[in-house]
PDB file of N, CA and C in Angstrom:
ATOM      1  N   UNK A   1     154.306 -95.807 -10.760  1.00  0.00           N
ATOM      2  CA  UNK A   1     153.310 -96.654 -10.133  1.00  0.00           C
ATOM      3  C   UNK A   1     152.530 -97.381 -11.228  1.00  0.00           C
ATOM      4  N   UNK A   2     152.300 -98.701 -11.085  1.00  0.00           N
ATOM      5  CA  UNK A   2     151.577 -99.449 -12.102  1.00  0.00           C
ATOM      6  C   UNK A   2     150.131 -98.996 -12.226  1.00  0.00           C
ATOM      7  N   UNK A   3     149.594 -99.172 -13.423  1.00  0.00           N
ATOM      8  CA  UNK A   3     148.192 -98.845 -13.665  1.00  0.00           C
ATOM      9  C   UNK A   3     147.330 -99.814 -12.864  1.00  0.00           C
ATOM     10  N   UNK A   4     146.441 -99.312 -11.999  1.00  0.00           N
ATOM     11  CA  UNK A   4     145.606-100.177 -11.169  1.00  0.00           C
ATOM     12  C   UNK A   4     144.147 -99.866 -11.398  1.00  0.00           C
ATOM     13  N   UNK A   5     143.327-100.892 -11.299  1.00  0.00           N
ATOM     14  CA  UNK A   5     141.892-100.704 -11.381  1.00  0.00           C
ATOM     15  C   UNK A   5     141.392-100.186 -10.040  1.00  0.00           C
ATOM     16  N   UNK A   6     140.487 -99.257 -10.087  1.00  0.00           N
ATOM     17  CA  UNK A   6     139.906 -98.725  -8.863  1.00  0.00           C
ATOM     18  C   UNK A   6     138.395 -98.735  -8.992  1.00  0.00           C
ATOM     19  N   UNK A   7     137.704 -98.471  -7.919  1.00  0.00           N
ATOM     20  CA  UNK A   7     136.251 -98.414  -7.928  1.00  0.00           C
ATOM     21  C   UNK A   7     135.783 -97.372  -8.938  1.00  0.00           C
ATOM     22  N   UNK A   8     134.827 -97.766  -9.756  1.00  0.00           N
ATOM     23  CA  UNK A   8     134.310 -96.873 -10.794  1.00  0.00           C
ATOM     24  C   UNK A   8     132.788 -96.817 -10.664  1.00  0.00           C
ATOM     25  N   UNK A   9     132.255 -95.660 -10.318  1.00  0.00           N
ATOM     26  CA  UNK A   9     130.814 -95.505 -10.118  1.00  0.00           C
ATOM     27  C   UNK A   9     130.009 -95.716 -11.398  1.00  0.00           C
ATOM     28  N   UNK A  10     130.648 -95.595 -12.554  1.00  0.00           N
ATOM     29  CA  UNK A  10     129.952 -95.779 -13.825  1.00  0.00           C
ATOM     30  C   UNK A  10     129.718 -97.260 -14.148  1.00  0.00           C
ATOM     31  N   UNK A  11     130.442 -98.139 -13.490  1.00  0.00           N
ATOM     32  CA  UNK A  11     130.292 -99.582 -13.710  1.00  0.00           C
ATOM     33  C   UNK A  11     129.189-100.089 -12.788  1.00  0.00           C
ATOM     34  N   UNK A  12     128.072-100.506 -13.395  1.00  0.00           N
ATOM     35  CA  UNK A  12     126.914-100.920 -12.595  1.00  0.00           C
ATOM     36  C   UNK A  12     126.488-102.369 -12.843  1.00  0.00           C
ATOM     37  N   UNK A  13     127.124-103.045 -13.794  1.00  0.00           N
ATOM     38  CA  UNK A  13     126.763-104.441 -14.070  1.00  0.00           C
ATOM     39  C   UNK A  13     128.018-105.313 -14.069  1.00  0.00           C
ATOM     40  N   UNK A  14     127.794-106.599 -13.934  1.00  0.00           N
ATOM     41  CA  UNK A  14     128.904-107.544 -13.978  1.00  0.00           C
ATOM     42  C   UNK A  14     129.601-107.554 -15.325  1.00  0.00           C
ATOM     43  N   UNK A  15     128.836-107.427 -16.402  1.00  0.00           N
ATOM     44  CA  UNK A  15     129.431-107.428 -17.742  1.00  0.00           C
ATOM     45  C   UNK A  15     130.303-106.194 -17.960  1.00  0.00           C
ATOM     46  N   UNK A  16     129.901-105.058 -17.428  1.00  0.00           N
ATOM     47  CA  UNK A  16     130.729-103.857 -17.531  1.00  0.00           C
ATOM     48  C   UNK A  16     132.036-104.060 -16.766  1.00  0.00           C
ATOM     49  N   UNK A  17     131.948-104.647 -15.594  1.00  0.00           N
ATOM     50  CA  UNK A  17     133.147-104.901 -14.788  1.00  0.00           C
ATOM     51  C   UNK A  17     134.054-105.917 -15.485  1.00  0.00           C
ATOM     52  N   UNK A  18     133.459-106.959 -16.061  1.00  0.00           N
ATOM     53  CA  UNK A  18     134.226-107.979 -16.784  1.00  0.00           C
ATOM     54  C   UNK A  18     134.976-107.338 -17.948  1.00  0.00           C
ATOM     55  N   UNK A  19     134.283-106.512 -18.725  1.00  0.00           N
ATOM     56  CA  UNK A  19     134.895-105.840 -19.875  1.00  0.00           C
ATOM     57  C   UNK A  19     136.060-104.960 -19.422  1.00  0.00           C
ATOM     58  N   UNK A  20     135.846-104.184 -18.400  1.00  0.00           N
ATOM     59  CA  UNK A  20     136.885-103.299 -17.892  1.00  0.00           C
ATOM     60  C   UNK A  20     138.097-104.099 -17.398  1.00  0.00           C
ATOM     61  N   UNK A  21     137.842-105.171 -16.655  1.00  0.00           N
ATOM     62  CA  UNK A  21     138.929-105.999 -16.142  1.00  0.00           C
ATOM     63  C   UNK A  21     139.706-106.700 -17.245  1.00  0.00           C
ATOM     64  N   UNK A  22     138.995-107.254 -18.225  1.00  0.00           N
ATOM     65  CA  UNK A  22     139.675-107.955 -19.320  1.00  0.00           C
ATOM     66  C   UNK A  22     140.470-106.984 -20.193  1.00  0.00           C
ATOM     67  N   UNK A  23     139.937-105.810 -20.444  1.00  0.00           N
ATOM     68  CA  UNK A  23     140.687-104.814 -21.216  1.00  0.00           C
ATOM     69  C   UNK A  23     141.965-104.418 -20.486  1.00  0.00           C
ATOM     70  N   UNK A  24     141.868-104.289 -19.180  1.00  0.00           N
ATOM     71  CA  UNK A  24     143.045-103.963 -18.373  1.00  0.00           C
ATOM     72  C   UNK A  24     144.079-105.093 -18.458  1.00  0.00           C
ATOM     73  N   UNK A  25     143.613-106.342 -18.325  1.00  0.00           N
ATOM     74  CA  UNK A  25     144.508-107.491 -18.388  1.00  0.00           C
ATOM     75  C   UNK A  25     145.214-107.572 -19.738  1.00  0.00           C
ATOM     76  N   UNK A  26     144.471-107.452 -20.831  1.00  0.00           N
ATOM     77  CA  UNK A  26     145.054-107.542 -22.165  1.00  0.00           C
ATOM     78  C   UNK A  26     146.076-106.429 -22.385  1.00  0.00           C
ATOM     79  N   UNK A  27     145.759-105.243 -21.909  1.00  0.00           N
ATOM     80  CA  UNK A  27     146.705-104.123 -22.044  1.00  0.00           C
ATOM     81  C   UNK A  27     147.987-104.390 -21.256  1.00  0.00           C
ATOM     82  N   UNK A  28     147.848-104.900 -20.041  1.00  0.00           N
ATOM     83  CA  UNK A  28     149.020-105.170 -19.207  1.00  0.00           C
ATOM     84  C   UNK A  28     149.876-106.293 -19.778  1.00  0.00           C
ATOM     85  N   UNK A  29     149.251-107.314 -20.356  1.00  0.00           N
ATOM     86  CA  UNK A  29     150.007-108.426 -20.928  1.00  0.00           C
ATOM     87  C   UNK A  29     150.767-108.013 -22.175  1.00  0.00           C
ATOM     88  N   UNK A  30     150.248-107.055 -22.911  1.00  0.00           N
ATOM     89  CA  UNK A  30     150.917-106.476 -24.079  1.00  0.00           C
ATOM     90  C   UNK A  30     151.436-107.540 -25.053  1.00  0.00           C
ATOM     91  N   UNK A  31     150.600-108.559 -25.316  1.00  0.00           N
ATOM     92  CA  UNK A  31     150.977-109.580 -26.275  1.00  0.00           C
ATOM     93  C   UNK A  31     152.071-110.532 -25.820  1.00  0.00           C
ATOM     94  N   UNK A  32     152.429-110.503 -24.544  1.00  0.00           N
ATOM     95  CA  UNK A  32     153.532-111.325 -24.045  1.00  0.00           C
ATOM     96  C   UNK A  32     153.088-112.679 -23.480  1.00  0.00           C
ATOM     97  N   UNK A  33     151.759-112.929 -23.451  1.00  0.00           N
ATOM     98  CA  UNK A  33     151.267-114.177 -22.877  1.00  0.00           C
ATOM     99  C   UNK A  33     150.027-114.628 -23.634  1.00  0.00           C
ATOM    100  N   UNK A  34     149.886-115.939 -23.801  1.00  0.00           N
ATOM    101  CA  UNK A  34     148.718-116.511 -24.442  1.00  0.00           C
ATOM    102  C   UNK A  34     147.523-116.391 -23.503  1.00  0.00           C
ATOM    103  N   UNK A  35     146.403-115.912 -24.004  1.00  0.00           N
ATOM    104  CA  UNK A  35     145.178-115.808 -23.216  1.00  0.00           C
ATOM    105  C   UNK A  35     144.239-116.892 -23.723  1.00  0.00           C
ATOM    106  N   UNK A  36     143.860-117.808 -22.828  1.00  0.00           N
ATOM    107  CA  UNK A  36     143.133-119.021 -23.180  1.00  0.00           C
ATOM    108  C   UNK A  36     141.881-119.150 -22.319  1.00  0.00           C
ATOM    109  N   UNK A  37     140.716-119.318 -22.934  1.00  0.00           N
ATOM    110  CA  UNK A  37     139.466-119.495 -22.198  1.00  0.00           C
ATOM    111  C   UNK A  37     139.220-120.988 -22.035  1.00  0.00           C
ATOM    112  N   UNK A  38     139.405-121.501 -20.834  1.00  0.00           N
ATOM    113  CA  UNK A  38     139.320-122.943 -20.627  1.00  0.00           C
ATOM    114  C   UNK A  38     137.997-123.405 -20.035  1.00  0.00           C
ATOM    115  N   UNK A  39     137.355-122.622 -19.227  1.00  0.00           N
ATOM    116  CA  UNK A  39     136.149-123.067 -18.543  1.00  0.00           C
ATOM    117  C   UNK A  39     134.936-122.305 -19.080  1.00  0.00           C
ATOM    118  N   UNK A  40     134.066-123.021 -19.744  1.00  0.00           N
ATOM    119  CA  UNK A  40     132.828-122.467 -20.296  1.00  0.00           C
ATOM    120  C   UNK A  40     133.035-121.143 -21.034  1.00  0.00           C
ATOM    121  N   UNK A  41     133.859-121.138 -22.065  1.00  0.00           N
ATOM    122  CA  UNK A  41     134.017-119.889 -22.815  1.00  0.00           C
ATOM    123  C   UNK A  41     132.694-119.489 -23.460  1.00  0.00           C
ATOM    124  N   UNK A  42     132.428-118.216 -23.502  1.00  0.00           N
ATOM    125  CA  UNK A  42     131.186-117.737 -24.095  1.00  0.00           C
ATOM    126  C   UNK A  42     131.481-116.538 -24.992  1.00  0.00           C
ATOM    127  N   UNK A  43     130.440-115.924 -25.495  1.00  0.00           N
ATOM    128  CA  UNK A  43     130.629-114.797 -26.401  1.00  0.00           C
ATOM    129  C   UNK A  43     131.357-113.628 -25.749  1.00  0.00           C
ATOM    130  N   UNK A  44     131.245-113.490 -24.446  1.00  0.00           N
ATOM    131  CA  UNK A  44     131.912-112.377 -23.757  1.00  0.00           C
ATOM    132  C   UNK A  44     133.429-112.499 -23.814  1.00  0.00           C
ATOM    133  N   UNK A  45     133.938-113.732 -23.878  1.00  0.00           N
ATOM    134  CA  UNK A  45     135.394-113.904 -23.889  1.00  0.00           C
ATOM    135  C   UNK A  45     135.996-113.762 -25.277  1.00  0.00           C
ATOM    136  N   UNK A  46     135.188-113.859 -26.309  1.00  0.00           N
ATOM    137  CA  UNK A  46     135.672-113.905 -27.687  1.00  0.00           C
ATOM    138  C   UNK A  46     136.671-112.838 -28.075  1.00  0.00           C
ATOM    139  N   UNK A  47     136.455-111.620 -27.674  1.00  0.00           N
ATOM    140  CA  UNK A  47     137.347-110.539 -28.094  1.00  0.00           C
ATOM    141  C   UNK A  47     138.646-110.473 -27.301  1.00  0.00           C
ATOM    142  N   UNK A  48     138.728-111.247 -26.213  1.00  0.00           N
ATOM    143  CA  UNK A  48     139.898-111.141 -25.341  1.00  0.00           C
ATOM    144  C   UNK A  48     140.845-112.340 -25.395  1.00  0.00           C
ATOM    145  N   UNK A  49     140.394-113.464 -25.915  1.00  0.00           N
ATOM    146  CA  UNK A  49     141.227-114.664 -25.888  1.00  0.00           C
ATOM    147  C   UNK A  49     141.732-115.011 -27.279  1.00  0.00           C
ATOM    148  N   UNK A  50     142.830-115.749 -27.319  1.00  0.00           N
ATOM    149  CA  UNK A  50     143.424-116.167 -28.578  1.00  0.00           C
ATOM    150  C   UNK A  50     142.972-117.559 -28.990  1.00  0.00           C
ATOM    151  N   UNK A  51     142.519-118.347 -28.025  1.00  0.00           N
ATOM    152  CA  UNK A  51     142.050-119.691 -28.327  1.00  0.00           C
ATOM    153  C   UNK A  51     141.044-120.135 -27.278  1.00  0.00           C
ATOM    154  N   UNK A  52     140.187-121.099 -27.662  1.00  0.00           N
ATOM    155  CA  UNK A  52     139.208-121.647 -26.738  1.00  0.00           C
ATOM    156  C   UNK A  52     139.204-123.162 -26.853  1.00  0.00           C
ATOM    157  N   UNK A  53     138.851-123.818 -25.776  1.00  0.00           N
ATOM    158  CA  UNK A  53     138.709-125.271 -25.794  1.00  0.00           C
ATOM    159  C   UNK A  53     137.435-125.620 -26.556  1.00  0.00           C
ATOM    160  N   UNK A  54     137.484-126.683 -27.382  1.00  0.00           N
ATOM    161  CA  UNK A  54     136.316-127.037 -28.182  1.00  0.00           C
ATOM    162  C   UNK A  54     135.630-128.301 -27.686  1.00  0.00           C
ATOM    163  N   UNK A  55     136.127-128.910 -26.640  1.00  0.00           N
ATOM    164  CA  UNK A  55     135.532-130.136 -26.134  1.00  0.00           C
ATOM    165  C   UNK A  55     135.824-130.258 -24.656  1.00  0.00           C
ATOM    166  N   UNK A  56     135.098-131.136 -23.997  1.00  0.00           N
ATOM    167  CA  UNK A  56     135.397-131.379 -22.591  1.00  0.00           C
ATOM    168  C   UNK A  56     136.544-132.382 -22.474  1.00  0.00           C
ATOM    169  N   UNK A  57     137.002-132.619 -21.285  1.00  0.00           N
ATOM    170  CA  UNK A  57     138.138-133.512 -21.060  1.00  0.00           C
ATOM    171  C   UNK A  57     137.785-134.991 -21.220  1.00  0.00           C
ATOM    172  N   UNK A  58     136.517-135.314 -21.426  1.00  0.00           N
ATOM    173  CA  UNK A  58     136.094-136.709 -21.515  1.00  0.00           C
ATOM    174  C   UNK A  58     136.451-137.348 -22.857  1.00  0.00           C
ATOM    175  N   UNK A  59     136.732-136.547 -23.877  1.00  0.00           N
ATOM    176  CA  UNK A  59     137.006-137.074 -25.201  1.00  0.00           C
ATOM    177  C   UNK A  59     138.469-136.847 -25.574  1.00  0.00           C
ATOM    178  N   UNK A  60     138.959-137.659 -26.511  1.00  0.00           N
ATOM    179  CA  UNK A  60     140.364-137.583 -26.881  1.00  0.00           C
ATOM    180  C   UNK A  60     140.605-137.023 -28.283  1.00  0.00           C
ATOM    181  N   UNK A  61     139.627-137.120 -29.172  1.00  0.00           N
ATOM    182  CA  UNK A  61     139.870-136.738 -30.562  1.00  0.00           C
ATOM    183  C   UNK A  61     138.849-135.739 -31.066  1.00  0.00           C
ATOM    184  N   UNK A  62     139.195-135.033 -32.136  1.00  0.00           N
ATOM    185  CA  UNK A  62     138.310-134.046 -32.741  1.00  0.00           C
ATOM    186  C   UNK A  62     137.047-134.705 -33.301  1.00  0.00           C
ATOM    187  N   UNK A  63     137.115-136.011 -33.619  1.00  0.00           N
ATOM    188  CA  UNK A  63     135.958-136.706 -34.166  1.00  0.00           C
ATOM    189  C   UNK A  63     134.810-136.808 -33.151  1.00  0.00           C
ATOM    190  N   UNK A  64     135.089-136.597 -31.864  1.00  0.00           N
ATOM    191  CA  UNK A  64     134.054-136.647 -30.842  1.00  0.00           C
ATOM    192  C   UNK A  64     133.271-135.355 -30.733  1.00  0.00           C
ATOM    193  N   UNK A  65     133.561-134.377 -31.569  1.00  0.00           N
ATOM    194  CA  UNK A  65     132.883-133.082 -31.539  1.00  0.00           C
ATOM    195  C   UNK A  65     131.914-132.978 -32.712  1.00  0.00           C
ATOM    196  N   UNK A  66     130.844-132.275 -32.507  1.00  0.00           N
ATOM    197  CA  UNK A  66     129.889-132.028 -33.597  1.00  0.00           C
ATOM    198  C   UNK A  66     130.045-130.610 -34.100  1.00  0.00           C
TER     199      UNK A  66
END
Protein backbone atom coordinates (compact mmCIF):
# COMPACT_ATOMS: atom_id res chain seq x y z
CA UNK A 1 0.00 0.00 0.00
CA UNK A 2 1.42 3.45 -0.90
CA UNK A 3 2.50 5.82 1.83
CA UNK A 4 -0.48 8.16 2.46
CA UNK A 5 -0.88 11.28 4.51
CA UNK A 6 -3.47 11.01 7.23
CA UNK A 7 -4.92 13.34 9.84
CA UNK A 8 -2.25 14.27 12.37
CA UNK A 9 -3.32 15.83 15.68
CA UNK A 10 0.18 17.29 16.15
CA UNK A 11 -0.24 19.51 13.06
CA UNK A 12 -1.97 22.67 14.25
CA UNK A 13 -0.87 25.34 11.75
CA UNK A 14 -0.93 25.77 8.00
CA UNK A 15 2.87 25.97 7.85
CA UNK A 16 3.19 22.64 9.68
CA UNK A 17 0.76 21.06 7.22
CA UNK A 18 2.60 22.62 4.25
CA UNK A 19 5.94 21.28 5.51
CA UNK A 20 4.53 17.80 6.05
CA UNK A 21 2.86 17.75 2.63
CA UNK A 22 5.92 19.04 0.76
CA UNK A 23 8.24 16.57 2.51
CA UNK A 24 5.87 13.78 1.51
CA UNK A 25 5.78 15.01 -2.10
CA UNK A 26 9.58 15.30 -2.39
CA UNK A 27 10.03 11.83 -0.91
CA UNK A 28 7.49 10.31 -3.30
CA UNK A 29 9.03 12.01 -6.35
CA UNK A 30 12.45 10.62 -5.39
CA UNK A 31 14.33 12.98 -7.70
CA UNK A 32 12.36 11.85 -10.76
CA UNK A 33 10.60 15.17 -11.45
CA UNK A 34 11.54 18.85 -11.47
CA UNK A 35 9.86 20.79 -8.65
CA UNK A 36 9.22 24.38 -9.72
CA UNK A 37 7.65 27.22 -7.69
CA UNK A 38 5.76 29.31 -10.24
CA UNK A 39 3.22 31.36 -8.31
CA UNK A 40 4.50 33.73 -5.61
CA UNK A 41 7.39 31.61 -4.38
CA UNK A 42 8.43 32.51 -0.86
CA UNK A 43 10.88 31.41 1.79
CA UNK A 44 8.70 28.42 2.68
CA UNK A 45 9.22 26.87 -0.76
CA UNK A 46 13.00 27.34 -0.83
CA UNK A 47 13.96 23.98 0.62
CA UNK A 48 11.59 22.01 -1.60
CA UNK A 49 12.00 23.42 -5.11
CA UNK A 50 14.84 23.25 -7.60
CA UNK A 51 14.05 26.52 -9.36
CA UNK A 52 11.88 29.62 -9.00
CA UNK A 53 10.54 32.18 -11.43
CA UNK A 54 12.36 35.52 -11.11
CA UNK A 55 9.94 37.76 -12.99
CA UNK A 56 6.31 38.05 -13.94
CA UNK A 57 5.02 37.15 -17.39
CA UNK A 58 4.86 40.83 -18.44
CA UNK A 59 8.60 41.04 -19.20
CA UNK A 60 10.71 39.19 -21.74
CA UNK A 61 14.34 39.65 -20.67
CA UNK A 62 16.50 39.42 -17.55
CA UNK A 63 17.29 43.14 -17.96
CA UNK A 64 13.74 43.92 -16.77
CA UNK A 65 14.58 42.58 -13.29
CA UNK A 66 16.25 44.46 -10.47
